Protein backbone atom coordinates (compact mmCIF):
# COMPACT_ATOMS: atom_id res chain seq x y z
CA MET A 1 -0.19 0.15 -0.22
CA ASP A 2 1.33 3.57 -0.71
CA ILE A 3 0.40 4.57 2.37
CA ASN A 4 2.24 2.28 4.43
CA ARG A 5 5.43 4.61 4.42
CA LYS A 6 8.54 4.07 6.71
CA GLY A 7 8.81 5.89 9.84
CA TYR A 8 9.84 5.98 13.62
CA ASN A 9 7.82 4.01 15.41
CA ASN A 10 7.44 4.00 19.45
CA GLN A 11 10.57 2.61 20.04
CA ARG A 12 12.25 4.51 17.42
CA ILE A 13 12.49 1.82 14.71
CA ILE A 14 12.62 2.98 11.29
CA GLU A 15 9.86 0.57 9.54
CA PRO A 16 6.48 0.65 7.37
CA GLN A 17 3.60 2.10 9.50
CA ILE A 18 0.62 3.79 9.13
CA ASN A 19 -0.72 6.54 11.64
CA ILE A 20 -3.86 7.04 13.04
CA LEU A 21 -4.92 10.37 14.82
CA TYR A 22 -7.90 10.35 16.95
CA ALA A 23 -10.07 13.02 18.51
CA PHE A 24 -11.75 12.32 21.71
CA SER A 25 -14.46 14.27 23.35
CA LEU A 26 -14.27 14.42 27.01
CA ASP A 27 -18.17 14.99 27.55
CA PRO A 28 -19.28 12.66 26.36
CA GLU A 29 -16.66 10.26 26.66
CA THR A 30 -16.19 8.70 23.60
CA PRO A 31 -13.77 8.84 19.69
CA VAL A 32 -15.51 11.16 17.74
CA TYR A 33 -13.14 10.99 14.96
CA TYR A 34 -10.34 9.34 13.16
CA ARG A 35 -8.02 9.77 10.51
CA ILE A 36 -5.44 7.77 8.70
CA ILE A 37 -2.14 9.43 7.98
CA PRO A 38 0.84 7.97 5.81
CA GLY A 39 3.63 6.74 8.35
CA ASN A 40 6.39 9.36 7.67
CA ILE A 41 3.91 12.35 8.65
CA ARG A 42 4.21 13.36 12.14
CA ASP A 43 3.53 16.85 11.64
CA ILE A 44 1.61 19.23 13.66
CA SER A 45 -0.46 20.48 9.99
CA SER A 46 -2.06 17.10 10.04
CA PHE A 47 -3.77 18.56 13.51
CA LYS A 48 -4.74 21.05 11.61
CA THR A 49 -6.47 19.51 8.81
CA ALA A 50 -7.85 16.88 11.03
CA ILE A 51 -9.46 19.85 12.58
CA VAL A 52 -11.10 21.53 9.37
CA GLU A 53 -12.14 18.25 8.19
CA SER A 54 -14.12 17.20 11.41
CA GLY A 55 -15.75 20.35 12.02
CA ILE A 56 -14.94 20.05 15.73
CA GLU A 57 -15.00 22.92 17.55
CA ASP A 58 -13.39 23.68 20.81
CA VAL A 59 -10.35 22.08 20.67
CA VAL A 60 -7.14 22.00 22.57
CA VAL A 61 -3.62 20.01 21.80
CA VAL A 62 -2.66 17.99 24.71
CA ALA A 63 0.36 16.11 24.61
CA ASP A 64 3.10 14.53 26.53
CA LYS A 65 6.86 15.70 27.50
CA GLY A 66 8.35 14.66 24.52
CA PHE A 67 6.50 16.94 22.23
CA GLY A 68 7.53 20.35 23.76
CA SER A 69 10.15 21.24 21.73
CA ASP A 70 10.79 24.94 20.29
CA THR A 71 9.96 23.66 16.76
CA ASN A 72 6.35 21.95 17.95
CA PHE A 73 5.45 25.19 19.65
CA SER A 74 6.39 27.32 17.15
CA LEU A 75 4.55 25.16 14.70
CA LEU A 76 1.32 25.32 17.33
CA ASP A 77 1.63 28.73 17.03
CA ASP A 78 1.70 28.94 13.45
CA GLU A 79 -1.31 26.72 12.82
CA GLU A 80 -3.14 28.68 15.83
CA LEU A 81 -3.76 26.07 17.84
CA ARG A 82 -4.41 26.03 21.10
CA TYR A 83 -2.45 23.71 23.55
CA VAL A 84 -1.46 22.44 27.10
CA VAL A 85 2.00 20.96 26.86
CA PRO A 86 4.23 19.78 29.67
CA LEU A 87 7.98 20.85 29.51
CA LYS A 88 10.90 18.72 31.14
CA ARG A 89 11.43 18.89 34.28
CA ASN A 90 14.78 20.28 33.77
CA SER A 91 13.53 23.07 31.08
CA THR A 92 15.36 26.62 31.89
CA LEU A 93 11.96 28.25 31.14
CA VAL A 94 10.97 28.26 34.67
CA ASP A 95 12.24 29.56 37.92
CA LEU A 96 12.54 26.42 40.32
CA SER A 97 13.65 28.30 43.09
CA PRO A 98 9.71 28.52 45.17
CA VAL A 99 9.86 24.61 45.11
CA LYS A 100 13.51 24.55 46.23
CA THR A 101 12.66 26.66 49.29
CA GLY A 102 10.57 23.92 50.52
CA SER A 103 7.73 26.77 51.62
CA LYS A 104 4.81 27.34 50.01
CA ARG A 105 4.70 31.52 50.55
CA ASP A 106 6.15 31.91 47.26
CA PHE A 107 3.36 29.70 45.33
CA ASP A 108 -0.20 31.82 43.97
CA GLY A 109 -2.09 29.02 45.92
CA TYR A 110 -3.39 25.30 45.66
CA PHE A 111 -6.67 23.58 44.40
CA MET A 112 -7.47 20.03 45.26
CA PHE A 113 -7.85 17.88 42.76
CA ARG A 114 -9.42 14.11 43.20
CA ASN A 115 -9.04 14.75 47.28
CA ARG A 116 -5.08 15.59 46.73
CA PRO A 117 -4.01 19.34 46.80
CA ILE A 118 -1.99 20.61 44.17
CA TRP A 119 0.09 23.34 44.83
CA TYR A 120 1.27 25.93 41.94
CA TYR A 121 2.36 29.45 40.60
CA GLY A 122 2.42 30.91 37.33
CA ARG A 123 4.65 32.80 34.92
CA LYS A 124 4.28 34.55 31.90
CA HIS A 125 7.31 33.89 29.26
CA GLU A 126 7.15 35.39 25.39
CA GLY A 127 3.27 35.89 25.98
CA LYS A 128 2.67 32.31 26.76
CA ASN A 129 1.30 31.03 30.08
CA LEU A 130 3.84 28.81 32.12
CA PHE A 131 2.36 26.68 35.40
CA VAL A 132 4.66 24.85 37.63
CA PHE A 133 2.62 22.43 39.52
CA ILE A 134 3.53 20.39 42.65
CA ASP A 135 1.72 17.25 44.02
CA ASP A 136 3.32 16.40 47.28
CA GLU A 137 1.83 12.70 47.44
CA LEU A 138 3.37 12.08 43.98
CA LYS A 139 6.74 13.91 45.35
CA ALA A 140 6.56 11.22 48.13
CA GLU A 141 5.80 8.30 45.56
CA GLU A 142 8.65 9.33 43.31
CA GLU A 143 11.39 10.22 45.92
CA LYS A 144 10.35 6.34 47.19
CA ASP A 145 10.44 4.97 43.69
CA TYR A 146 14.26 6.52 43.09
CA LEU A 147 15.58 5.28 46.14
CA LEU A 148 14.30 1.92 46.18
CA ARG A 149 16.01 1.73 42.77
CA PHE A 150 19.11 3.00 43.74
CA GLU A 151 18.95 0.61 46.94
CA ASN A 152 19.04 -2.49 44.17
CA ASN A 153 21.79 -0.82 42.22
CA LEU A 154 20.05 -0.06 39.24
CA GLU A 155 22.49 0.93 36.35
CA GLY A 156 22.16 5.32 36.29
CA TYR A 157 20.44 5.22 39.83
CA SER A 158 22.93 7.43 42.47
CA TYR A 159 22.60 9.20 45.71
CA GLU A 160 23.98 12.15 44.29
CA ASN A 161 21.56 11.85 41.29
CA PHE A 162 18.97 11.93 43.85
CA LEU A 163 20.21 14.95 45.60
CA GLU A 164 19.82 16.68 41.85
CA LYS A 165 16.27 15.69 41.22
CA GLN A 166 15.09 15.93 44.75
CA TYR A 167 13.44 19.38 44.18
CA THR A 168 11.88 18.15 40.86
CA PHE A 169 9.81 15.15 42.23
CA GLY A 170 6.31 15.74 41.97
CA THR A 171 6.40 18.51 39.68
CA ILE A 172 4.67 19.02 36.58
CA ILE A 173 5.63 22.12 34.16
CA ILE A 174 3.04 23.01 31.77
CA LYS A 175 3.01 25.52 28.72
CA THR A 176 -0.33 26.99 27.24
CA ASN A 177 -1.87 29.54 25.26
CA LEU A 178 -4.92 29.43 27.06
CA SER A 179 -5.97 32.07 29.16
CA LYS A 180 -7.21 29.65 32.13
CA SER A 181 -6.45 29.65 35.79
CA ALA A 182 -4.36 26.93 37.08
CA LYS A 183 -6.72 24.58 38.23
CA GLU A 184 -8.64 24.50 34.64
CA ILE A 185 -5.13 23.95 32.66
CA TYR A 186 -4.24 21.05 35.14
CA GLU A 187 -7.61 19.48 34.54
CA ILE A 188 -6.93 19.65 30.66
CA TYR A 189 -4.17 18.17 31.11
CA LYS A 190 -5.18 15.23 32.91
CA SER A 191 -7.65 14.69 30.78
CA ARG A 192 -4.98 12.46 28.92
CA ALA A 193 -5.70 9.71 31.06
CA ALA A 194 -8.94 9.40 29.22
CA ILE A 195 -7.22 10.06 25.81
CA GLU A 196 -4.36 7.33 26.45
CA GLN A 197 -6.88 4.61 27.61
CA SER A 198 -8.60 4.98 24.18
CA PHE A 199 -5.44 3.79 22.56
CA ASP A 200 -5.52 0.92 25.15
CA VAL A 201 -9.15 -0.42 24.21
CA LEU A 202 -7.69 -0.13 20.71
CA LYS A 203 -4.36 -2.01 21.21
CA ASN A 204 -5.33 -4.49 23.88
CA LEU A 205 -9.32 -4.94 24.33
CA LEU A 206 -9.96 -4.59 20.51
CA GLN A 207 -6.47 -6.12 19.54
CA GLN A 208 -6.04 -3.93 16.55
CA ASP A 209 -2.60 -2.80 16.79
CA SER A 210 -1.52 -4.13 13.66
CA THR A 211 -3.27 -4.73 10.51
CA TYR A 212 -2.94 -7.13 7.69
CA MET A 213 -5.10 -5.14 5.21
CA GLN A 214 -3.39 -5.89 1.74
CA ASN A 215 -4.75 -2.47 0.23
CA GLU A 216 -6.26 0.70 1.09
CA GLN A 217 -9.98 0.23 0.39
CA ALA A 218 -9.59 -2.77 3.11
CA LEU A 219 -7.88 -0.33 5.37
CA GLU A 220 -10.32 2.26 5.40
CA ALA A 221 -13.01 -0.34 6.31
CA TRP A 222 -10.43 -1.72 9.16
CA ALA A 223 -10.17 1.55 10.65
CA PHE A 224 -13.92 2.30 10.26
CA ILE A 225 -14.94 -1.21 11.85
CA ASN A 226 -12.26 -0.24 14.75
CA HIS A 227 -13.64 3.14 15.29
CA ILE A 228 -17.35 1.80 15.82
CA SER A 229 -16.00 -1.01 18.21
CA MET A 230 -14.39 1.62 20.28
CA MET A 231 -17.60 3.59 20.05
CA MET A 232 -19.84 0.73 21.53
CA VAL A 233 -17.05 0.00 24.47
CA TYR A 234 -17.34 3.58 25.71
CA LYS A 235 -21.27 3.85 25.53
CA ILE A 236 -21.18 0.56 27.66
CA TYR A 237 -18.24 2.21 29.80
CA THR A 238 -20.63 5.28 30.04
CA MET A 239 -23.64 2.95 30.76
CA LEU A 240 -21.38 1.30 33.78
CA LYS A 241 -20.72 4.89 34.74
CA GLN A 242 -24.05 6.09 34.77
CA GLN A 243 -25.36 2.76 37.07
CA GLU A 244 -22.19 3.40 39.33
CA LEU A 245 -21.35 0.00 38.27
CA LEU A 246 -17.46 0.85 37.35
CA SER A 247 -16.04 -0.55 40.75
CA ARG A 248 -17.56 -3.95 40.11
CA TYR A 249 -17.45 -4.30 36.07
CA SER A 250 -15.07 -3.24 33.43
CA ALA A 251 -16.63 -2.68 29.68
CA GLU A 252 -14.81 -5.59 28.88
CA ASP A 253 -16.35 -7.82 31.60
CA ILE A 254 -19.71 -7.06 30.01
CA LEU A 255 -18.28 -7.88 26.38
CA ILE A 256 -17.37 -11.25 27.58
CA TYR A 257 -21.31 -11.72 28.81
CA LEU A 258 -22.23 -10.63 25.87
CA LYS A 259 -20.23 -12.60 23.63
CA TYR A 260 -21.64 -15.92 24.72
CA ILE A 261 -25.10 -14.71 23.62
CA ASN A 262 -25.75 -16.30 20.41
CA LYS A 263 -29.24 -16.41 17.87
CA LEU A 264 -30.20 -19.94 16.74
CA LYS A 265 -32.35 -21.12 14.28
CA ILE A 266 -34.31 -23.20 14.87
CA ASP A 267 -37.27 -24.78 12.45
CA GLY A 268 -36.66 -21.44 10.12
CA GLU A 269 -37.14 -18.74 13.04
CA TRP A 270 -34.07 -16.72 14.92
CA VAL A 271 -33.86 -17.56 18.64
CA THR A 272 -32.00 -16.12 21.15
CA SER A 273 -29.80 -19.17 22.85
CA GLU A 274 -30.09 -19.19 27.13
CA ILE A 275 -28.86 -16.57 29.27
CA ASN A 276 -27.75 -17.08 32.80
CA ALA A 277 -29.70 -15.34 35.86
CA LYS A 278 -26.58 -13.24 36.61
CA THR A 279 -26.39 -11.96 33.32
CA LYS A 280 -29.78 -10.91 32.67
CA ILE A 281 -29.65 -8.57 36.03
CA LEU A 282 -26.74 -6.76 34.77
CA LEU A 283 -28.15 -6.62 31.40
CA LYS A 284 -31.26 -4.92 33.11
CA LYS A 285 -29.56 -2.78 34.96
CA LEU A 286 -27.94 -1.36 31.85
CA ASN A 287 -30.71 -1.34 30.02
CA ILE A 288 -29.06 -3.34 27.38
CA HIS A 289 -32.13 -5.47 25.50
CA ILE A 290 -30.91 -8.36 23.52
CA THR A 291 -33.75 -8.90 20.83
């Protein structure tokens, strides 16, 4: 296939591949748009093309730390895209002296996120907003993890390196061109978890991270079926969430229950196979009708 071009995969190995760009809605939580891109294209202009084609409004590009280069920020600005992008913890754009003092006096304040206090302060840089967030619970976890690795003599971990890194544990540094509060920016960034989960659904639950299609028409059909499947998975997830059943069941659990319900043709008529009592109760709670 012509669209199957050589590009870097997630192990930085060059091989023939395609890229799939997804737009994900946070309310309701569901994938709403996809686009197949040749494997040698990782350009920000493809974001702009996708936004125009989809007709989606109120779009924010949320990236990871590896995305936050000067080149990428310039491209985002050139394309007039709104973004929330984390910087590496050793970034020279921000002053970490308020963090190093150990005092919260130089912070702008705090807010609660999932019952955890998040302290923050903001600065301006070339017209963009820079926020430094610190999560003390995350800081303690990262310190413990580092020292455990040091105790186990893992390569690259030393006491001197720990002393260098100690002030950055638990910190998240965000660069954005949005005019929103620190809490809003933090919540937008944390929405990445839901976005990343959608790719986990595609790769692991649906087991569709590789395609064996032989032409581009079949590839388009494969991607479309995957998209519909993902929308169905998230529909089930929403049902579980509304019924407050997520602590007991996952979307994968429901799919396992449903896949054993079959249609049988008896005397020329289609009838539904047996459904056990537990499954019937669950289907009733979720308002799923098997016809």
